[in-house]
N, C-alpha and C. Protein backbone atom coordinates (compact mmCIF):
# COMPACT_ATOMS: atom_id res chain seq x y z
N MET A 1 0.93 -1.16 -0.01
CA MET A 1 0.04 0.08 -0.06
C MET A 1 0.70 1.32 -0.07
N ASP A 2 0.62 2.00 -0.73
CA ASP A 2 1.50 3.25 -0.81
C ASP A 2 0.76 4.58 -0.05
N SER A 3 1.34 4.92 1.02
CA SER A 3 1.00 6.01 1.73
C SER A 3 1.45 7.31 1.46
N GLY A 4 0.99 8.33 1.76
CA GLY A 4 1.54 9.75 1.68
C GLY A 4 1.20 10.22 0.57
N ILE A 5 1.12 11.51 0.55
CA ILE A 5 0.64 12.28 -0.90
C ILE A 5 2.13 13.13 -1.39
N GLN A 6 2.10 12.92 -2.48
CA GLN A 6 3.54 13.26 -3.27
C GLN A 6 3.62 14.78 -3.70
N PRO A 7 4.31 15.55 -2.65
CA PRO A 7 4.26 16.95 -3.18
C PRO A 7 5.21 16.98 -4.27
N PRO A 8 5.41 18.35 -4.90
CA PRO A 8 6.31 18.68 -5.79
C PRO A 8 7.95 18.39 -5.46
N ASP A 9 8.33 18.47 -4.20
CA ASP A 9 9.73 18.22 -4.08
C ASP A 9 9.99 16.75 -4.22
N GLY A 10 8.90 15.90 -4.50
CA GLY A 10 9.58 14.44 -4.41
C GLY A 10 9.38 13.62 -2.96
N LYS A 11 9.11 14.50 -2.05
CA LYS A 11 9.45 13.81 -0.67
C LYS A 11 7.52 13.68 -0.46
N LYS A 12 7.11 12.55 0.25
CA LYS A 12 5.92 12.30 0.61
C LYS A 12 5.67 13.21 1.84
N ASP A 13 4.20 13.36 2.01
CA ASP A 13 3.80 13.96 3.20
C ASP A 13 2.81 12.69 3.88
N TYR A 14 3.57 12.32 4.87
CA TYR A 14 2.87 11.22 5.91
C TYR A 14 1.84 11.93 7.27
N SER A 15 1.75 13.29 6.82
CA SER A 15 1.14 14.03 7.94
C SER A 15 -0.18 13.49 8.19
N HIS A 16 -0.98 12.98 7.60
CA HIS A 16 -2.29 12.18 7.64
C HIS A 16 -2.35 11.17 8.41
N GLU A 17 -1.01 10.55 8.91
CA GLU A 17 -0.98 9.55 9.78
C GLU A 17 -1.14 9.98 11.15
N LEU A 18 -0.71 11.16 11.26
CA LEU A 18 -0.34 11.61 12.76
C LEU A 18 -1.57 11.41 13.72
N ARG A 19 -1.07 11.17 14.87
CA ARG A 19 -2.05 11.08 16.14
C ARG A 19 -1.35 12.11 17.35
N LEU A 20 -1.25 13.40 16.96
CA LEU A 20 -0.47 13.99 17.80
C LEU A 20 -1.35 14.18 19.27
N VAL A 21 -0.47 14.17 20.25
CA VAL A 21 -1.08 14.36 21.71
C VAL A 21 -1.11 15.82 21.80
N GLN A 22 -1.91 16.17 23.12
CA GLN A 22 -2.11 17.55 23.12
C GLN A 22 -1.21 18.09 24.32
N SER A 23 -0.79 17.40 25.03
CA SER A 23 0.24 18.09 26.24
C SER A 23 1.65 18.32 25.56
N GLY A 24 1.78 19.52 25.77
CA GLY A 24 3.16 19.96 25.56
C GLY A 24 4.28 19.46 26.21
N ALA A 25 4.05 19.20 27.30
CA ALA A 25 5.18 18.32 27.94
C ALA A 25 5.25 17.03 27.54
N VAL A 26 4.05 16.26 27.22
CA VAL A 26 4.21 14.80 26.70
C VAL A 26 5.02 14.79 25.15
N ARG A 27 4.52 15.68 24.70
CA ARG A 27 5.33 15.95 23.23
C ARG A 27 6.70 16.22 23.23
N PHE A 28 7.10 17.01 24.03
CA PHE A 28 8.42 17.34 24.58
C PHE A 28 9.46 15.92 24.54
N TRP A 29 8.47 15.24 25.77
CA TRP A 29 9.47 14.21 26.01
C TRP A 29 9.23 12.88 24.99
N LEU A 30 8.31 12.66 24.11
CA LEU A 30 7.94 12.18 22.77
C LEU A 30 9.41 12.52 21.82
N LEU A 31 9.43 13.77 21.75
CA LEU A 31 10.47 14.25 20.73
C LEU A 31 12.13 13.78 21.59
N ALA A 32 12.22 14.06 22.48
CA ALA A 32 13.36 13.54 23.09
C ALA A 32 13.47 12.00 23.06
N ALA A 33 12.51 11.40 23.06
CA ALA A 33 12.69 9.81 22.87
C ALA A 33 12.85 9.37 21.87
N GLY A 34 12.27 10.05 20.89
CA GLY A 34 12.38 9.92 19.24
C GLY A 34 13.85 10.28 18.83
N HIS A 35 14.34 11.49 19.22
CA HIS A 35 15.72 11.64 18.96
C HIS A 35 16.72 10.94 19.68
N LEU A 36 16.63 10.31 20.73
CA LEU A 36 17.36 9.34 21.44
C LEU A 36 17.40 7.85 20.70
N ALA A 37 16.28 7.75 20.09
CA ALA A 37 15.88 6.41 19.28
C ALA A 37 16.62 6.46 18.06
N VAL A 38 16.79 7.65 17.28
CA VAL A 38 17.40 7.64 16.03
C VAL A 38 18.76 7.60 16.35
N GLY A 39 19.25 8.33 17.12
CA GLY A 39 20.81 8.31 17.63
C GLY A 39 21.29 6.98 17.85
N LEU A 40 20.37 6.17 18.69
CA LEU A 40 20.81 4.65 18.96
C LEU A 40 20.66 4.06 17.58
N ALA A 41 19.72 4.18 16.85
CA ALA A 41 19.54 3.55 15.68
C ALA A 41 20.95 3.81 14.76
N VAL A 42 21.02 5.15 14.63
CA VAL A 42 22.38 5.44 13.78
C VAL A 42 23.59 4.59 14.05
N LEU A 43 23.76 4.50 15.78
CA LEU A 43 25.06 3.69 16.12
C LEU A 43 24.86 2.24 16.05
N GLY A 44 23.60 1.68 15.96
CA GLY A 44 23.23 0.36 15.64
C GLY A 44 23.64 0.02 14.06
N ALA A 45 23.63 0.88 13.31
CA ALA A 45 24.11 0.55 11.86
C ALA A 45 25.33 0.43 11.85
N PHE A 46 26.51 0.67 13.08
CA PHE A 46 27.79 0.61 12.88
C PHE A 46 28.27 -0.22 13.76
N LEU A 47 27.46 -0.65 14.82
CA LEU A 47 27.91 -1.57 15.97
C LEU A 47 27.18 -2.84 15.72
N PRO A 48 27.63 -4.05 15.76
CA PRO A 48 27.00 -5.24 15.81
C PRO A 48 25.61 -5.75 16.51
N LEU A 49 25.83 -5.24 17.87
CA LEU A 49 25.01 -5.88 18.72
C LEU A 49 23.99 -4.78 18.99
N LEU A 50 24.02 -3.59 18.39
CA LEU A 50 23.08 -2.57 18.90
C LEU A 50 22.03 -2.77 17.58
N PRO A 51 20.79 -2.90 17.74
CA PRO A 51 19.73 -3.10 16.49
C PRO A 51 19.44 -1.82 16.31
N THR A 52 19.09 -1.84 15.06
CA THR A 52 18.73 -0.48 14.16
C THR A 52 17.16 -0.29 14.13
N THR A 53 16.64 -1.59 13.31
CA THR A 53 15.24 -1.26 13.16
C THR A 53 14.41 -0.89 14.24
N PRO A 54 14.51 -1.58 15.40
CA PRO A 54 13.56 -1.34 16.66
C PRO A 54 13.84 -0.07 17.08
N PHE A 55 14.61 0.57 16.90
CA PHE A 55 15.15 1.72 17.40
C PHE A 55 14.36 2.72 16.33
N LEU A 56 14.62 2.61 15.03
CA LEU A 56 13.64 3.18 14.14
C LEU A 56 12.17 3.04 14.54
N LEU A 57 11.89 1.97 14.56
CA LEU A 57 10.29 1.76 14.65
C LEU A 57 9.66 2.52 15.85
N LEU A 58 10.59 2.49 16.96
CA LEU A 58 10.33 3.52 18.24
C LEU A 58 10.22 4.95 17.89
N ALA A 59 11.40 5.30 17.06
CA ALA A 59 11.31 6.71 16.86
C ALA A 59 10.35 7.17 16.07
N ALA A 60 9.67 6.25 15.19
CA ALA A 60 8.62 6.69 14.07
C ALA A 60 7.21 6.62 15.31
N ALA A 61 7.16 5.97 16.12
CA ALA A 61 5.98 5.66 17.01
C ALA A 61 6.09 6.95 17.88
N CYS A 62 7.32 7.61 18.40
CA CYS A 62 7.34 8.66 19.16
C CYS A 62 7.08 9.99 18.06
N TYR A 63 7.56 10.00 17.01
CA TYR A 63 7.17 11.16 16.05
C TYR A 63 5.93 11.48 15.66
N VAL A 64 5.23 10.20 15.12
CA VAL A 64 3.81 10.24 15.08
C VAL A 64 2.72 10.96 15.96
N ARG A 65 3.09 10.76 17.13
CA ARG A 65 2.38 11.56 18.30
C ARG A 65 3.07 12.76 18.80
N ALA A 66 4.11 13.15 18.06
CA ALA A 66 4.58 14.53 18.56
C ALA A 66 4.95 15.51 17.38
N SER A 67 5.31 15.07 16.28
CA SER A 67 5.77 16.01 15.28
C SER A 67 5.87 15.80 14.05
N ALA A 68 4.96 16.47 13.03
CA ALA A 68 4.89 16.13 11.69
C ALA A 68 6.12 16.31 11.23
N ARG A 69 6.70 17.31 11.37
CA ARG A 69 8.31 17.38 10.60
C ARG A 69 9.07 16.32 10.97
N PHE A 70 9.49 15.84 12.00
CA PHE A 70 10.16 14.97 12.19
C PHE A 70 9.71 13.33 11.66
N TYR A 71 8.37 13.19 11.95
CA TYR A 71 7.82 12.00 11.16
C TYR A 71 7.99 12.08 9.80
N ASN A 72 7.65 13.22 9.14
CA ASN A 72 8.15 13.14 7.68
C ASN A 72 9.50 13.00 7.39
N TRP A 73 10.30 13.85 7.96
CA TRP A 73 11.69 13.63 7.96
C TRP A 73 12.22 12.09 7.78
N LEU A 74 11.71 11.47 8.86
CA LEU A 74 12.09 9.79 9.08
C LEU A 74 11.88 9.01 8.16
N LEU A 75 10.42 9.45 7.89
CA LEU A 75 10.06 8.41 7.01
C LEU A 75 10.33 8.62 5.27
N ASN A 76 10.84 9.99 5.10
CA ASN A 76 11.25 10.39 3.58
C ASN A 76 13.03 10.26 3.45
N THR A 77 13.60 9.52 4.64
CA THR A 77 15.05 9.51 4.81
C THR A 77 15.15 8.28 3.76
N LYS A 78 16.25 8.29 2.89
CA LYS A 78 16.56 7.22 2.02
C LYS A 78 17.12 6.11 2.57
N THR A 79 17.66 6.26 3.60
CA THR A 79 18.40 4.96 4.26
C THR A 79 17.32 4.31 5.40
N PHE A 80 16.85 5.24 5.85
CA PHE A 80 15.87 4.59 7.25
C PHE A 80 14.34 4.48 6.84
N GLY A 81 13.81 5.26 6.23
CA GLY A 81 12.28 5.52 5.74
C GLY A 81 11.83 4.14 5.16
N PRO A 82 12.37 3.40 4.14
CA PRO A 82 11.86 2.28 3.72
C PRO A 82 11.77 1.15 4.63
N MET A 83 12.75 1.02 5.48
CA MET A 83 12.55 -0.08 6.41
C MET A 83 11.18 0.41 7.36
N ILE A 84 11.04 1.44 7.80
CA ILE A 84 9.79 1.51 8.76
C ILE A 84 8.76 1.72 7.80
N ILE A 85 8.68 1.68 6.46
CA ILE A 85 7.35 1.84 5.42
C ILE A 85 7.13 0.37 5.63
N ASN A 86 8.45 -0.42 5.32
CA ASN A 86 8.16 -1.69 4.78
C ASN A 86 7.65 -2.54 6.14
N TRP A 87 8.23 -2.28 7.33
CA TRP A 87 7.94 -3.12 8.47
C TRP A 87 6.28 -2.80 8.59
N ARG A 88 5.76 -1.63 8.55
CA ARG A 88 4.60 -0.96 8.67
C ARG A 88 3.51 -1.68 7.66
N ASP A 89 3.89 -2.01 6.59
CA ASP A 89 3.00 -2.22 5.56
C ASP A 89 2.99 -3.72 5.54
N HIS A 90 4.06 -4.46 5.96
CA HIS A 90 4.24 -5.85 5.78
C HIS A 90 4.25 -7.00 6.84
N ARG A 91 4.79 -5.99 8.17
CA ARG A 91 4.74 -6.89 9.41
C ARG A 91 5.93 -7.91 9.32
N SER A 92 6.76 -8.21 8.27
CA SER A 92 7.47 -8.99 8.12
C SER A 92 8.86 -8.35 7.52
N VAL A 93 9.98 -9.43 7.31
CA VAL A 93 11.34 -8.86 7.11
C VAL A 93 11.43 -9.75 5.73
N ALA A 94 12.14 -8.96 4.79
CA ALA A 94 12.39 -9.49 3.44
C ALA A 94 13.53 -10.75 3.50
N LEU A 95 13.41 -11.68 2.67
CA LEU A 95 14.43 -12.77 3.05
C LEU A 95 16.01 -12.38 2.96
N LYS A 96 16.00 -11.80 1.82
CA LYS A 96 17.36 -11.20 1.69
C LYS A 96 17.92 -10.32 2.54
N HIS A 97 16.87 -9.49 3.31
CA HIS A 97 17.76 -8.72 4.45
C HIS A 97 17.88 -9.48 5.57
N LYS A 98 17.04 -10.64 5.91
CA LYS A 98 17.30 -11.66 7.03
C LYS A 98 18.39 -12.23 6.86
N VAL A 99 18.68 -12.88 5.55
CA VAL A 99 19.98 -13.40 5.58
C VAL A 99 21.45 -12.58 5.63
N MET A 100 21.14 -11.14 4.90
CA MET A 100 22.27 -10.34 5.04
C MET A 100 22.42 -10.26 6.71
N ALA A 101 21.59 -9.70 7.47
CA ALA A 101 21.84 -9.68 8.82
C ALA A 101 22.42 -10.50 9.64
N VAL A 102 21.78 -11.81 9.27
CA VAL A 102 22.29 -12.88 10.17
C VAL A 102 23.95 -13.21 9.68
N VAL A 103 24.16 -13.37 8.40
CA VAL A 103 25.56 -13.30 8.06
C VAL A 103 26.30 -11.98 8.74
N PHE A 104 26.11 -10.84 8.53
CA PHE A 104 26.79 -9.77 9.28
C PHE A 104 27.03 -9.97 10.73
N ILE A 105 26.13 -10.64 11.61
CA ILE A 105 26.22 -10.74 12.87
C ILE A 105 27.12 -11.92 13.05
N ALA A 106 27.09 -13.03 12.15
CA ALA A 106 27.81 -14.16 12.61
C ALA A 106 29.00 -13.95 12.26
N VAL A 107 29.32 -12.88 11.28
CA VAL A 107 30.89 -12.55 10.70
C VAL A 107 31.41 -11.67 11.74
N SER A 108 30.73 -10.50 12.21
CA SER A 108 31.19 -9.84 13.21
C SER A 108 31.40 -10.29 14.24
N ILE A 109 30.33 -10.88 14.88
CA ILE A 109 30.80 -11.35 16.15
C ILE A 109 31.65 -12.61 16.21
N GLY A 110 31.69 -13.45 15.36
CA GLY A 110 32.62 -14.55 15.38
C GLY A 110 33.96 -14.17 15.20
N SER A 111 34.33 -12.97 14.22
CA SER A 111 35.66 -12.42 14.18
C SER A 111 36.03 -11.85 15.40
N SER A 112 35.20 -11.13 16.14
CA SER A 112 35.33 -10.61 17.47
C SER A 112 35.65 -11.79 18.64
N VAL A 113 34.94 -12.83 18.69
CA VAL A 113 35.19 -13.72 19.74
C VAL A 113 36.52 -14.45 19.10
N LEU A 114 36.67 -14.69 18.05
CA LEU A 114 38.04 -15.32 17.77
C LEU A 114 39.34 -14.60 17.46
N PHE A 115 39.10 -13.42 17.45
CA PHE A 115 40.48 -12.33 17.25
C PHE A 115 40.70 -11.25 18.06
N PHE A 116 39.69 -10.82 18.62
CA PHE A 116 39.58 -9.54 19.50
C PHE A 116 39.28 -9.72 20.69
N ILE A 117 38.58 -10.70 21.33
CA ILE A 117 38.36 -10.61 22.93
C ILE A 117 39.11 -11.80 23.57
N PRO A 118 39.93 -11.36 24.49
CA PRO A 118 40.88 -12.19 24.84
C PRO A 118 40.37 -12.99 26.11
N HIS A 119 39.37 -12.74 26.68
CA HIS A 119 39.02 -13.60 28.09
C HIS A 119 37.66 -14.65 27.56
N PRO A 120 37.92 -15.74 28.00
CA PRO A 120 37.02 -16.83 27.53
C PRO A 120 35.61 -16.58 28.24
N ALA A 121 35.39 -15.58 29.33
CA ALA A 121 34.14 -15.13 29.80
C ALA A 121 33.40 -14.12 28.65
N GLY A 122 34.46 -13.15 28.09
CA GLY A 122 33.81 -12.01 27.30
C GLY A 122 33.48 -12.89 26.10
N LYS A 123 34.65 -13.98 25.50
CA LYS A 123 33.84 -14.57 24.48
C LYS A 123 32.75 -15.27 24.63
N VAL A 124 32.16 -15.83 25.85
CA VAL A 124 30.84 -16.49 26.10
C VAL A 124 30.01 -15.51 25.97
N VAL A 125 30.14 -14.28 26.88
CA VAL A 125 29.08 -13.26 26.70
C VAL A 125 28.88 -12.63 25.38
N VAL A 126 29.79 -12.29 24.34
CA VAL A 126 29.76 -11.84 23.13
C VAL A 126 28.96 -12.80 22.18
N GLY A 127 29.49 -13.77 22.38
CA GLY A 127 28.97 -15.19 21.60
C GLY A 127 27.43 -15.44 21.84
N GLY A 128 27.16 -15.49 22.91
CA GLY A 128 25.72 -15.82 23.53
C GLY A 128 24.60 -14.45 22.73
N LEU A 129 25.51 -13.37 22.89
CA LEU A 129 24.57 -12.16 22.61
C LEU A 129 24.52 -12.13 21.01
N GLY A 130 25.47 -12.64 20.24
CA GLY A 130 25.23 -12.93 18.66
C GLY A 130 24.08 -13.94 18.66
N VAL A 131 24.09 -15.08 19.37
CA VAL A 131 23.32 -16.24 19.06
C VAL A 131 22.04 -15.65 19.14
N GLY A 132 21.72 -14.56 20.83
CA GLY A 132 20.39 -14.31 21.00
C GLY A 132 19.71 -13.18 19.65
N TRP A 133 20.73 -12.46 19.14
CA TRP A 133 20.35 -11.71 17.98
C TRP A 133 19.88 -12.59 16.85
N ILE A 134 20.48 -13.45 16.59
CA ILE A 134 20.01 -14.30 15.33
C ILE A 134 18.88 -14.96 15.55
N ALA A 135 18.73 -15.73 16.82
CA ALA A 135 17.61 -16.40 17.10
C ALA A 135 16.13 -15.24 17.13
N VAL A 136 16.40 -13.88 17.64
CA VAL A 136 15.36 -12.97 17.32
C VAL A 136 15.00 -12.71 16.02
N LEU A 137 16.06 -12.52 15.21
CA LEU A 137 16.03 -12.50 13.74
C LEU A 137 15.17 -13.61 13.15
N LEU A 138 15.66 -14.79 13.44
CA LEU A 138 15.02 -15.88 12.58
C LEU A 138 13.39 -16.03 13.19
N ARG A 139 13.14 -15.70 14.20
CA ARG A 139 11.68 -15.63 14.90
C ARG A 139 10.89 -14.67 14.22
N LEU A 140 11.39 -13.73 13.27
CA LEU A 140 10.58 -12.66 12.64
C LEU A 140 10.01 -13.26 11.79
N PRO A 141 8.75 -12.85 11.29
CA PRO A 141 8.29 -13.09 9.76
C PRO A 141 8.89 -12.73 8.86
N THR A 142 9.03 -13.72 7.74
CA THR A 142 9.77 -13.55 6.49
C THR A 142 8.98 -13.32 5.46
N ARG A 143 9.21 -12.50 4.38
CA ARG A 143 8.65 -12.34 3.32
C ARG A 143 9.64 -12.64 1.94
N THR A 144 9.02 -13.47 1.10
CA THR A 144 9.79 -14.03 0.13
C THR A 144 9.95 -12.97 -1.03
N ALA A 145 8.92 -12.01 -1.20
CA ALA A 145 9.21 -11.10 -2.24
C ALA A 145 9.60 -9.79 -1.99
């Protein structure tokens, strides 16, 4: 389903999806939480144990209740917008993205455990976290198309 109205600048307007709260204080805290979630999502794009997509979904949930400007910005970003829209529309992960994520986690965690973490307890903890993230990914619904 294609959401949003296409304005002349090529960006879609998702303002019709907003459910803004009335309280200014609540909107302030939702914006703060949304900004924090976006920051963590950006970090998650570079750090193997920090997930990106859940933080983006959290940011979108905060922004849809607090700010049309930030909600539209987030959904129109080329890097993050498609992930949010894809999850919202299909509630599943594309098979190719799931495979890429599992391979990336296995390679990054595996190389960290084998080459960079000296203590056996650290190897077990990091390896366990990697296995946990892979298990979470494999439990998500998969879309083949």
